[in-house]
């Protein structure tokens, strides 16, 4: 096959953006992202993931509060250096992916979050995949954010992604071909 492949181009062009404009996503954009993530494959087609699409700023602030409460000094310094008071960097959409604690949950969540990242890129949007929000869902924290998102008792945080109109640009990361093992 020759010529351009838009999907591969979007994969190569994508980078993690940590600054967003305050422009909201349109309902049509949010719907397209919902449809994209629902199309992501899951192990044995169990479809056990749950997707919390959050545009409510108060909920995002509550998540940030618990993350900052538990993150270490080093991470707080990183956030200060980035001049950000939010782990979601002002993105108008946050998607939290959660699931029952099964052996496939993290694998399925990884596929789903990458699907969202590439879909966002294809739509001209920016994104950043986030693991730090896990701190907002600590099971031993009586103030965790599980009820804020209506999570079931046996459901746990897997990963999150912030999506919006980027207010910054960043070059994609450098490739390291030496990380590939080839067995001919």
N, C-alpha and C. Protein backbone atom coordinates (compact mmCIF):
# COMPACT_ATOMS: atom_id res chain seq x y z
N UNK A 1 0.85 -1.18 0.00
CA UNK A 1 0.00 0.00 0.00
C UNK A 1 0.89 1.24 0.00
N UNK A 2 0.60 2.17 -0.84
CA UNK A 2 1.37 3.41 -0.91
C UNK A 2 0.46 4.58 -0.59
N UNK A 3 1.07 5.72 -0.42
CA UNK A 3 0.29 6.92 -0.15
C UNK A 3 0.12 7.15 1.34
N UNK A 4 -0.63 8.18 1.65
CA UNK A 4 -0.82 8.57 3.04
C UNK A 4 -1.89 7.72 3.72
N UNK A 5 -1.69 7.46 4.98
CA UNK A 5 -2.66 6.77 5.81
C UNK A 5 -2.96 7.71 6.97
N UNK A 6 -4.16 8.27 6.99
CA UNK A 6 -4.49 9.29 7.98
C UNK A 6 -4.37 8.77 9.41
N UNK A 7 -4.76 7.55 9.65
CA UNK A 7 -4.67 7.01 11.01
C UNK A 7 -3.21 6.97 11.46
N UNK A 8 -2.34 6.45 10.62
CA UNK A 8 -0.92 6.40 10.98
C UNK A 8 -0.34 7.80 11.14
N UNK A 9 -0.78 8.73 10.32
CA UNK A 9 -0.32 10.12 10.46
C UNK A 9 -0.74 10.68 11.82
N UNK A 10 -1.98 10.44 12.23
CA UNK A 10 -2.45 10.94 13.52
C UNK A 10 -1.67 10.32 14.67
N UNK A 11 -1.34 9.06 14.56
CA UNK A 11 -0.55 8.41 15.61
C UNK A 11 0.83 9.08 15.71
N UNK A 12 1.46 9.34 14.57
CA UNK A 12 2.79 9.96 14.56
C UNK A 12 2.78 11.41 15.03
N UNK A 13 1.69 12.12 14.79
CA UNK A 13 1.60 13.56 15.11
C UNK A 13 1.18 13.83 16.54
N UNK A 14 0.55 12.87 17.20
CA UNK A 14 0.00 13.11 18.52
C UNK A 14 1.09 13.29 19.58
N UNK A 15 0.85 14.21 20.49
CA UNK A 15 1.70 14.38 21.67
C UNK A 15 0.82 14.76 22.84
N UNK A 16 1.34 14.62 24.04
CA UNK A 16 0.58 14.96 25.25
C UNK A 16 0.56 16.47 25.44
N UNK A 17 -0.62 17.04 25.44
CA UNK A 17 -0.77 18.49 25.60
C UNK A 17 -1.26 18.77 27.00
N UNK A 18 -0.59 19.71 27.69
CA UNK A 18 -0.91 20.03 29.07
C UNK A 18 -1.34 21.49 29.24
N UNK A 19 -2.06 22.01 28.24
CA UNK A 19 -2.66 23.36 28.33
C UNK A 19 -3.79 23.42 27.30
N UNK A 20 -4.96 23.90 27.75
CA UNK A 20 -6.13 23.91 26.89
C UNK A 20 -6.81 25.27 26.91
N UNK A 21 -7.47 25.60 25.80
CA UNK A 21 -8.28 26.81 25.77
C UNK A 21 -9.55 26.53 26.57
N UNK A 22 -10.32 27.57 26.82
CA UNK A 22 -11.57 27.37 27.56
C UNK A 22 -12.75 27.07 26.64
N UNK A 23 -12.47 26.82 25.36
CA UNK A 23 -13.53 26.50 24.41
C UNK A 23 -14.09 25.10 24.70
N UNK A 24 -15.38 25.04 24.92
CA UNK A 24 -16.04 23.76 25.18
C UNK A 24 -16.09 22.91 23.92
N UNK A 25 -16.15 21.62 24.10
CA UNK A 25 -16.38 20.74 22.97
C UNK A 25 -17.87 20.80 22.61
N UNK A 26 -18.16 20.65 21.36
CA UNK A 26 -19.56 20.65 20.94
C UNK A 26 -20.20 19.32 21.34
N UNK A 27 -21.52 19.30 21.47
CA UNK A 27 -22.18 18.01 21.74
C UNK A 27 -21.85 16.96 20.67
N UNK A 28 -21.71 17.38 19.43
CA UNK A 28 -21.37 16.44 18.36
C UNK A 28 -19.97 15.87 18.56
N UNK A 29 -19.02 16.70 18.99
CA UNK A 29 -17.66 16.20 19.25
C UNK A 29 -17.66 15.20 20.39
N UNK A 30 -18.37 15.51 21.46
CA UNK A 30 -18.43 14.60 22.60
C UNK A 30 -19.08 13.28 22.17
N UNK A 31 -20.13 13.37 21.38
CA UNK A 31 -20.80 12.15 20.90
C UNK A 31 -19.87 11.30 20.04
N UNK A 32 -19.09 11.94 19.19
CA UNK A 32 -18.15 11.19 18.35
C UNK A 32 -17.12 10.46 19.22
N UNK A 33 -16.66 11.11 20.28
CA UNK A 33 -15.70 10.48 21.18
C UNK A 33 -16.35 9.31 21.93
N UNK A 34 -17.60 9.48 22.34
CA UNK A 34 -18.31 8.37 22.99
C UNK A 34 -18.41 7.18 22.06
N UNK A 35 -18.78 7.44 20.82
CA UNK A 35 -18.92 6.34 19.86
C UNK A 35 -17.57 5.67 19.58
N UNK A 36 -16.52 6.47 19.55
CA UNK A 36 -15.18 5.90 19.32
C UNK A 36 -14.78 4.96 20.44
N UNK A 37 -14.97 5.39 21.69
CA UNK A 37 -14.53 4.54 22.80
C UNK A 37 -15.40 3.29 22.92
N UNK A 38 -16.67 3.41 22.59
CA UNK A 38 -17.53 2.22 22.62
C UNK A 38 -17.13 1.21 21.55
N UNK A 39 -16.43 1.66 20.52
CA UNK A 39 -15.97 0.76 19.45
C UNK A 39 -14.65 0.06 19.80
N UNK A 40 -14.00 0.50 20.88
CA UNK A 40 -12.72 -0.11 21.27
C UNK A 40 -12.94 -1.56 21.66
N UNK A 41 -12.07 -2.45 21.20
CA UNK A 41 -12.24 -3.86 21.56
C UNK A 41 -11.92 -4.12 23.03
N UNK A 42 -12.52 -5.16 23.57
CA UNK A 42 -12.23 -5.59 24.94
C UNK A 42 -11.99 -7.10 24.92
N UNK A 43 -11.26 -7.57 25.90
CA UNK A 43 -10.93 -9.00 25.99
C UNK A 43 -12.21 -9.82 26.02
N UNK A 44 -12.26 -10.80 25.12
CA UNK A 44 -13.39 -11.71 25.01
C UNK A 44 -14.72 -10.96 24.85
N UNK A 45 -14.63 -9.74 24.35
CA UNK A 45 -15.80 -8.88 24.11
C UNK A 45 -16.68 -8.72 25.35
N UNK A 46 -16.06 -8.67 26.51
CA UNK A 46 -16.83 -8.57 27.75
C UNK A 46 -17.39 -7.17 27.98
N UNK A 47 -16.75 -6.16 27.42
CA UNK A 47 -17.21 -4.77 27.52
C UNK A 47 -17.52 -4.38 28.97
N UNK A 48 -16.54 -4.60 29.85
CA UNK A 48 -16.73 -4.34 31.27
C UNK A 48 -16.27 -2.95 31.71
N UNK A 49 -15.72 -2.17 30.81
CA UNK A 49 -15.27 -0.83 31.19
C UNK A 49 -16.46 0.12 31.34
N UNK A 50 -16.26 1.15 32.17
CA UNK A 50 -17.23 2.23 32.32
C UNK A 50 -16.50 3.53 32.01
N UNK A 51 -17.19 4.43 31.34
CA UNK A 51 -16.59 5.67 30.88
C UNK A 51 -17.35 6.85 31.47
N UNK A 52 -16.71 7.61 32.34
CA UNK A 52 -17.33 8.80 32.91
C UNK A 52 -16.86 10.00 32.10
N UNK A 53 -17.76 10.58 31.31
CA UNK A 53 -17.47 11.77 30.52
C UNK A 53 -17.83 12.97 31.37
N UNK A 54 -16.83 13.76 31.76
CA UNK A 54 -17.03 14.83 32.73
C UNK A 54 -16.73 16.18 32.09
N UNK A 55 -17.74 17.02 32.04
CA UNK A 55 -17.56 18.42 31.60
C UNK A 55 -17.89 19.38 32.74
N UNK A 56 -18.42 18.86 33.83
CA UNK A 56 -18.79 19.64 35.01
C UNK A 56 -17.52 20.08 35.75
N UNK A 57 -17.25 21.36 35.74
CA UNK A 57 -16.01 21.88 36.34
C UNK A 57 -15.92 21.60 37.84
N UNK A 58 -17.05 21.58 38.53
CA UNK A 58 -17.04 21.30 39.97
C UNK A 58 -16.56 19.87 40.25
N UNK A 59 -16.95 18.93 39.41
CA UNK A 59 -16.49 17.55 39.58
C UNK A 59 -14.98 17.45 39.30
N UNK A 60 -14.54 18.16 38.27
CA UNK A 60 -13.11 18.15 37.95
C UNK A 60 -12.32 18.76 39.11
N UNK A 61 -12.83 19.85 39.68
CA UNK A 61 -12.16 20.47 40.84
C UNK A 61 -12.11 19.51 42.03
N UNK A 62 -13.19 18.77 42.25
CA UNK A 62 -13.20 17.80 43.35
C UNK A 62 -12.16 16.70 43.11
N UNK A 63 -12.05 16.22 41.88
CA UNK A 63 -11.02 15.23 41.55
C UNK A 63 -9.63 15.81 41.82
N UNK A 64 -9.40 17.03 41.32
CA UNK A 64 -8.11 17.68 41.54
C UNK A 64 -7.78 17.81 43.03
N UNK A 65 -8.79 18.15 43.83
CA UNK A 65 -8.57 18.31 45.27
C UNK A 65 -8.03 17.05 45.91
N UNK A 66 -8.61 15.90 45.56
CA UNK A 66 -8.14 14.65 46.14
C UNK A 66 -6.78 14.24 45.58
N UNK A 67 -6.54 14.53 44.30
CA UNK A 67 -5.23 14.20 43.71
C UNK A 67 -4.14 15.01 44.41
N UNK A 68 -4.36 16.32 44.52
CA UNK A 68 -3.36 17.17 45.18
C UNK A 68 -3.18 16.78 46.64
N UNK A 69 -4.25 16.34 47.29
CA UNK A 69 -4.16 15.94 48.70
C UNK A 69 -3.17 14.79 48.87
N UNK A 70 -3.13 13.86 47.92
CA UNK A 70 -2.31 12.67 48.06
C UNK A 70 -1.00 12.68 47.27
N UNK A 71 -0.84 13.59 46.32
CA UNK A 71 0.39 13.53 45.52
C UNK A 71 1.59 14.01 46.35
N UNK A 72 2.75 13.51 46.00
CA UNK A 72 3.94 13.82 46.77
C UNK A 72 4.49 15.20 46.43
N UNK A 73 5.45 15.64 47.21
CA UNK A 73 6.03 16.97 47.06
C UNK A 73 6.64 17.14 45.68
N UNK A 74 7.32 16.11 45.20
CA UNK A 74 7.94 16.18 43.88
C UNK A 74 6.91 16.46 42.79
N UNK A 75 5.76 15.79 42.85
CA UNK A 75 4.72 16.00 41.84
C UNK A 75 4.13 17.40 41.98
N UNK A 76 3.98 17.89 43.19
CA UNK A 76 3.48 19.26 43.40
C UNK A 76 4.46 20.27 42.79
N UNK A 77 5.75 19.99 42.90
CA UNK A 77 6.76 20.86 42.29
C UNK A 77 6.67 20.82 40.77
N UNK A 78 6.44 19.63 40.21
CA UNK A 78 6.27 19.49 38.76
C UNK A 78 5.07 20.32 38.30
N UNK A 79 3.97 20.24 39.03
CA UNK A 79 2.76 20.99 38.66
C UNK A 79 3.00 22.49 38.77
N UNK A 80 3.74 22.92 39.80
CA UNK A 80 4.06 24.34 39.94
C UNK A 80 4.93 24.80 38.78
N UNK A 81 5.88 23.99 38.39
CA UNK A 81 6.75 24.31 37.25
C UNK A 81 5.94 24.41 35.96
N UNK A 82 4.92 23.57 35.84
CA UNK A 82 4.03 23.62 34.66
C UNK A 82 3.02 24.76 34.77
N UNK A 83 3.02 25.43 35.91
CA UNK A 83 2.09 26.53 36.18
C UNK A 83 0.64 26.06 36.04
N UNK A 84 0.37 24.89 36.61
CA UNK A 84 -0.98 24.33 36.53
C UNK A 84 -1.50 23.97 37.91
N UNK A 85 -2.69 24.43 38.20
CA UNK A 85 -3.37 24.08 39.43
C UNK A 85 -4.34 22.93 39.21
N UNK A 86 -4.24 22.29 38.05
CA UNK A 86 -5.14 21.18 37.73
C UNK A 86 -4.37 20.08 37.00
N UNK A 87 -4.61 18.86 37.42
CA UNK A 87 -4.02 17.72 36.74
C UNK A 87 -4.69 17.47 35.39
N UNK A 88 -5.76 18.21 35.11
CA UNK A 88 -6.48 18.09 33.84
C UNK A 88 -6.21 19.28 32.94
N UNK A 89 -5.39 20.21 33.41
CA UNK A 89 -4.82 21.31 32.62
C UNK A 89 -5.86 22.17 31.91
N UNK A 90 -7.05 22.30 32.50
CA UNK A 90 -8.07 23.17 31.92
C UNK A 90 -8.82 22.56 30.75
N UNK A 91 -8.65 21.28 30.50
CA UNK A 91 -9.37 20.64 29.39
C UNK A 91 -10.87 20.65 29.68
N UNK A 92 -11.67 20.90 28.67
CA UNK A 92 -13.12 20.96 28.89
C UNK A 92 -13.78 19.59 29.03
N UNK A 93 -13.05 18.51 28.71
CA UNK A 93 -13.59 17.17 28.86
C UNK A 93 -12.56 16.27 29.53
N UNK A 94 -13.01 15.59 30.56
CA UNK A 94 -12.20 14.57 31.23
C UNK A 94 -12.98 13.27 31.11
N UNK A 95 -12.29 12.22 30.71
CA UNK A 95 -12.91 10.90 30.67
C UNK A 95 -12.16 10.01 31.65
N UNK A 96 -12.88 9.49 32.63
CA UNK A 96 -12.33 8.54 33.58
C UNK A 96 -12.81 7.16 33.17
N UNK A 97 -11.87 6.26 32.99
CA UNK A 97 -12.19 4.90 32.62
C UNK A 97 -12.02 4.03 33.86
N UNK A 98 -13.06 3.28 34.17
CA UNK A 98 -13.05 2.42 35.35
C UNK A 98 -13.61 1.06 34.97
N UNK A 99 -13.44 0.10 35.88
CA UNK A 99 -13.92 -1.26 35.62
C UNK A 99 -13.93 -2.06 36.90
N UNK A 100 -14.62 -3.17 36.86
CA UNK A 100 -14.49 -4.13 37.94
C UNK A 100 -13.06 -4.64 37.89
N UNK A 101 -12.56 -5.07 39.01
CA UNK A 101 -11.17 -5.51 39.09
C UNK A 101 -11.03 -6.91 38.52
N UNK A 102 -10.89 -6.97 37.19
CA UNK A 102 -10.70 -8.25 36.51
C UNK A 102 -9.29 -8.30 35.95
N UNK A 103 -8.88 -9.45 35.52
CA UNK A 103 -7.52 -9.58 34.99
C UNK A 103 -7.33 -8.84 33.68
N UNK A 104 -8.42 -8.46 33.01
CA UNK A 104 -8.31 -7.79 31.72
C UNK A 104 -8.57 -6.28 31.80
N UNK A 105 -8.96 -5.76 32.93
CA UNK A 105 -9.40 -4.37 33.04
C UNK A 105 -8.35 -3.38 32.56
N UNK A 106 -7.12 -3.53 33.02
CA UNK A 106 -6.08 -2.56 32.64
C UNK A 106 -5.73 -2.64 31.16
N UNK A 107 -5.68 -3.83 30.63
CA UNK A 107 -5.41 -3.99 29.20
C UNK A 107 -6.52 -3.33 28.38
N UNK A 108 -7.77 -3.63 28.73
CA UNK A 108 -8.89 -3.03 28.02
C UNK A 108 -8.90 -1.51 28.14
N UNK A 109 -8.58 -1.01 29.33
CA UNK A 109 -8.55 0.44 29.55
C UNK A 109 -7.45 1.10 28.72
N UNK A 110 -6.31 0.43 28.59
CA UNK A 110 -5.23 0.96 27.75
C UNK A 110 -5.66 1.08 26.30
N UNK A 111 -6.36 0.07 25.82
CA UNK A 111 -6.86 0.11 24.44
C UNK A 111 -7.87 1.25 24.30
N UNK A 112 -8.77 1.37 25.26
CA UNK A 112 -9.81 2.40 25.20
C UNK A 112 -9.22 3.81 25.25
N UNK A 113 -8.25 4.04 26.13
CA UNK A 113 -7.70 5.39 26.25
C UNK A 113 -6.91 5.78 25.00
N UNK A 114 -6.21 4.81 24.41
CA UNK A 114 -5.49 5.10 23.17
C UNK A 114 -6.49 5.35 22.03
N UNK A 115 -7.59 4.63 22.03
CA UNK A 115 -8.64 4.88 21.03
C UNK A 115 -9.13 6.31 21.15
N UNK A 116 -9.39 6.76 22.37
CA UNK A 116 -9.83 8.15 22.58
C UNK A 116 -8.77 9.15 22.15
N UNK A 117 -7.51 8.88 22.46
CA UNK A 117 -6.43 9.81 22.10
C UNK A 117 -6.31 9.95 20.59
N UNK A 118 -6.37 8.85 19.87
CA UNK A 118 -6.26 8.91 18.41
C UNK A 118 -7.51 9.51 17.80
N UNK A 119 -8.69 9.19 18.35
CA UNK A 119 -9.93 9.80 17.85
C UNK A 119 -9.88 11.31 18.04
N UNK A 120 -9.44 11.77 19.20
CA UNK A 120 -9.33 13.20 19.46
C UNK A 120 -8.37 13.85 18.46
N UNK A 121 -7.23 13.23 18.25
CA UNK A 121 -6.24 13.75 17.30
C UNK A 121 -6.85 13.86 15.91
N UNK A 122 -7.58 12.84 15.49
CA UNK A 122 -8.21 12.84 14.17
C UNK A 122 -9.26 13.93 14.04
N UNK A 123 -9.84 14.35 15.17
CA UNK A 123 -10.87 15.39 15.18
C UNK A 123 -10.28 16.78 15.32
N UNK A 124 -8.94 16.87 15.36
CA UNK A 124 -8.29 18.18 15.52
C UNK A 124 -8.23 18.64 16.97
N UNK A 125 -8.42 17.71 17.89
CA UNK A 125 -8.37 18.02 19.32
C UNK A 125 -7.05 17.52 19.90
N UNK A 126 -6.75 17.97 21.10
CA UNK A 126 -5.55 17.55 21.81
C UNK A 126 -5.96 16.71 23.02
N UNK A 127 -5.00 15.98 23.55
CA UNK A 127 -5.28 15.15 24.72
C UNK A 127 -4.02 14.88 25.52
N UNK A 128 -4.25 14.44 26.75
CA UNK A 128 -3.16 13.94 27.59
C UNK A 128 -3.74 12.78 28.40
N UNK A 129 -3.04 11.65 28.36
CA UNK A 129 -3.44 10.46 29.10
C UNK A 129 -2.88 10.58 30.51
N UNK A 130 -3.72 10.27 31.52
CA UNK A 130 -3.37 10.57 32.91
C UNK A 130 -3.53 9.37 33.84
N UNK A 131 -2.50 9.13 34.63
CA UNK A 131 -2.56 8.11 35.65
C UNK A 131 -2.71 8.67 37.05
N UNK A 132 -2.27 9.92 37.26
CA UNK A 132 -2.33 10.52 38.60
C UNK A 132 -3.73 10.59 39.20
N UNK A 133 -4.78 10.70 38.39
CA UNK A 133 -6.12 10.73 39.01
C UNK A 133 -6.44 9.50 39.84
N UNK A 134 -5.65 8.45 39.74
CA UNK A 134 -5.87 7.27 40.57
C UNK A 134 -5.90 7.64 42.05
N UNK A 135 -5.16 8.71 42.41
CA UNK A 135 -5.09 9.13 43.81
C UNK A 135 -6.45 9.61 44.33
N UNK A 136 -7.33 10.05 43.45
CA UNK A 136 -8.66 10.52 43.86
C UNK A 136 -9.60 9.37 44.19
N UNK A 137 -9.18 8.15 43.92
CA UNK A 137 -10.05 6.99 44.09
C UNK A 137 -9.50 5.96 45.06
N UNK A 138 -8.59 6.39 45.93
CA UNK A 138 -7.99 5.45 46.88
C UNK A 138 -9.08 4.81 47.74
N UNK A 139 -9.11 3.48 47.76
CA UNK A 139 -10.19 2.81 48.52
C UNK A 139 -10.16 3.08 50.02
N UNK A 140 -8.97 3.38 50.56
CA UNK A 140 -8.88 3.62 52.00
C UNK A 140 -9.10 5.10 52.37
N UNK A 141 -9.46 5.93 51.38
CA UNK A 141 -9.74 7.34 51.61
C UNK A 141 -11.25 7.53 51.75
N UNK A 142 -11.74 7.88 52.93
CA UNK A 142 -13.18 8.04 53.09
C UNK A 142 -13.75 9.20 52.25
N UNK A 143 -12.89 10.07 51.76
CA UNK A 143 -13.33 11.19 50.93
C UNK A 143 -13.00 10.97 49.45
N UNK A 144 -12.77 9.72 49.06
CA UNK A 144 -12.42 9.47 47.66
C UNK A 144 -13.59 9.86 46.75
N UNK A 145 -13.33 9.91 45.47
CA UNK A 145 -14.28 10.43 44.49
C UNK A 145 -15.13 9.36 43.81
N UNK A 146 -15.16 8.18 44.36
CA UNK A 146 -15.93 7.10 43.74
C UNK A 146 -17.42 7.45 43.64
N UNK A 147 -18.01 7.93 44.72
CA UNK A 147 -19.44 8.27 44.67
C UNK A 147 -19.70 9.47 43.77
N UNK A 148 -18.74 10.36 43.65
CA UNK A 148 -18.86 11.53 42.78
C UNK A 148 -19.14 11.10 41.34
N UNK A 149 -18.60 9.94 40.95
CA UNK A 149 -18.79 9.43 39.60
C UNK A 149 -19.74 8.24 39.55
N UNK A 150 -20.41 7.95 40.65
CA UNK A 150 -21.38 6.86 40.65
C UNK A 150 -20.77 5.49 40.43
N UNK A 151 -19.54 5.33 40.88
CA UNK A 151 -18.87 4.04 40.70
C UNK A 151 -19.49 2.99 41.62
N UNK A 152 -19.61 1.78 41.10
CA UNK A 152 -20.14 0.67 41.88
C UNK A 152 -19.10 0.20 42.89
N UNK A 153 -19.55 -0.55 43.87
CA UNK A 153 -18.67 -0.98 44.95
C UNK A 153 -17.44 -1.73 44.47
N UNK A 154 -17.59 -2.60 43.47
CA UNK A 154 -16.47 -3.40 42.99
C UNK A 154 -15.78 -2.80 41.76
N UNK A 155 -16.03 -1.54 41.52
CA UNK A 155 -15.44 -0.83 40.37
C UNK A 155 -14.22 -0.04 40.84
N UNK A 156 -13.20 0.02 40.00
CA UNK A 156 -12.00 0.78 40.36
C UNK A 156 -11.53 1.64 39.20
N UNK A 157 -10.80 2.69 39.52
CA UNK A 157 -10.19 3.56 38.52
C UNK A 157 -9.15 2.78 37.73
N UNK A 158 -9.13 3.00 36.41
CA UNK A 158 -8.09 2.41 35.57
C UNK A 158 -7.16 3.47 35.01
N UNK A 159 -7.73 4.47 34.32
CA UNK A 159 -6.93 5.51 33.68
C UNK A 159 -7.87 6.64 33.28
N UNK A 160 -7.30 7.81 32.98
CA UNK A 160 -8.11 8.96 32.57
C UNK A 160 -7.44 9.65 31.38
N UNK A 161 -8.21 10.50 30.73
CA UNK A 161 -7.69 11.29 29.63
C UNK A 161 -8.40 12.64 29.64
N UNK A 162 -7.63 13.69 29.43
CA UNK A 162 -8.18 15.05 29.29
C UNK A 162 -8.15 15.38 27.80
N UNK A 163 -9.25 15.96 27.30
CA UNK A 163 -9.39 16.24 25.87
C UNK A 163 -9.93 17.65 25.67
N UNK A 164 -9.37 18.36 24.72
CA UNK A 164 -9.86 19.70 24.40
C UNK A 164 -9.09 20.33 23.27
N UNK A 165 -9.28 21.62 23.14
CA UNK A 165 -8.56 22.41 22.13
C UNK A 165 -7.26 22.87 22.77
N UNK A 166 -6.16 22.37 22.25
CA UNK A 166 -4.85 22.68 22.83
C UNK A 166 -4.52 24.16 22.80
N UNK A 167 -3.94 24.64 23.89
CA UNK A 167 -3.47 26.02 23.98
C UNK A 167 -1.94 26.05 23.90
N UNK A 168 -1.36 24.93 23.59
CA UNK A 168 0.09 24.80 23.45
C UNK A 168 0.37 23.76 22.39
N UNK A 169 1.60 23.75 21.93
CA UNK A 169 2.02 22.71 20.99
C UNK A 169 3.23 22.02 21.57
N UNK A 170 3.39 20.78 21.19
CA UNK A 170 4.53 20.01 21.67
C UNK A 170 4.89 19.00 20.60
N UNK A 171 6.15 18.86 20.35
CA UNK A 171 6.61 17.87 19.38
C UNK A 171 6.34 16.47 19.93
N UNK A 172 5.96 15.55 19.07
CA UNK A 172 5.82 14.16 19.53
C UNK A 172 7.15 13.66 20.09
N UNK A 173 7.08 12.69 20.97
CA UNK A 173 8.31 12.19 21.60
C UNK A 173 9.23 11.54 20.56
N UNK A 174 10.50 11.53 20.89
CA UNK A 174 11.48 10.90 20.00
C UNK A 174 11.28 9.39 20.01
N UNK A 175 11.42 8.80 18.87
CA UNK A 175 11.28 7.34 18.75
C UNK A 175 12.59 6.67 19.14
N UNK A 176 12.48 5.49 19.70
CA UNK A 176 13.66 4.72 20.09
C UNK A 176 13.59 3.35 19.41
N UNK A 177 14.04 3.29 18.16
CA UNK A 177 13.96 2.03 17.42
C UNK A 177 14.69 0.87 18.12
N UNK A 178 15.64 1.18 18.98
CA UNK A 178 16.37 0.13 19.68
C UNK A 178 15.48 -0.63 20.67
N UNK A 179 14.30 -0.12 20.93
CA UNK A 179 13.38 -0.81 21.82
C UNK A 179 12.59 -1.91 21.12
N UNK A 180 12.80 -2.03 19.83
CA UNK A 180 12.11 -3.07 19.07
C UNK A 180 13.03 -4.28 18.93
N UNK A 181 12.52 -5.45 19.26
CA UNK A 181 13.23 -6.70 19.06
C UNK A 181 12.65 -7.36 17.84
N UNK A 182 13.51 -7.75 16.93
CA UNK A 182 13.06 -8.35 15.67
C UNK A 182 13.50 -9.80 15.62
N UNK A 183 12.56 -10.68 15.35
CA UNK A 183 12.84 -12.11 15.23
C UNK A 183 12.40 -12.56 13.84
N UNK A 184 13.36 -12.63 12.92
CA UNK A 184 13.05 -13.06 11.53
C UNK A 184 13.13 -14.56 11.40
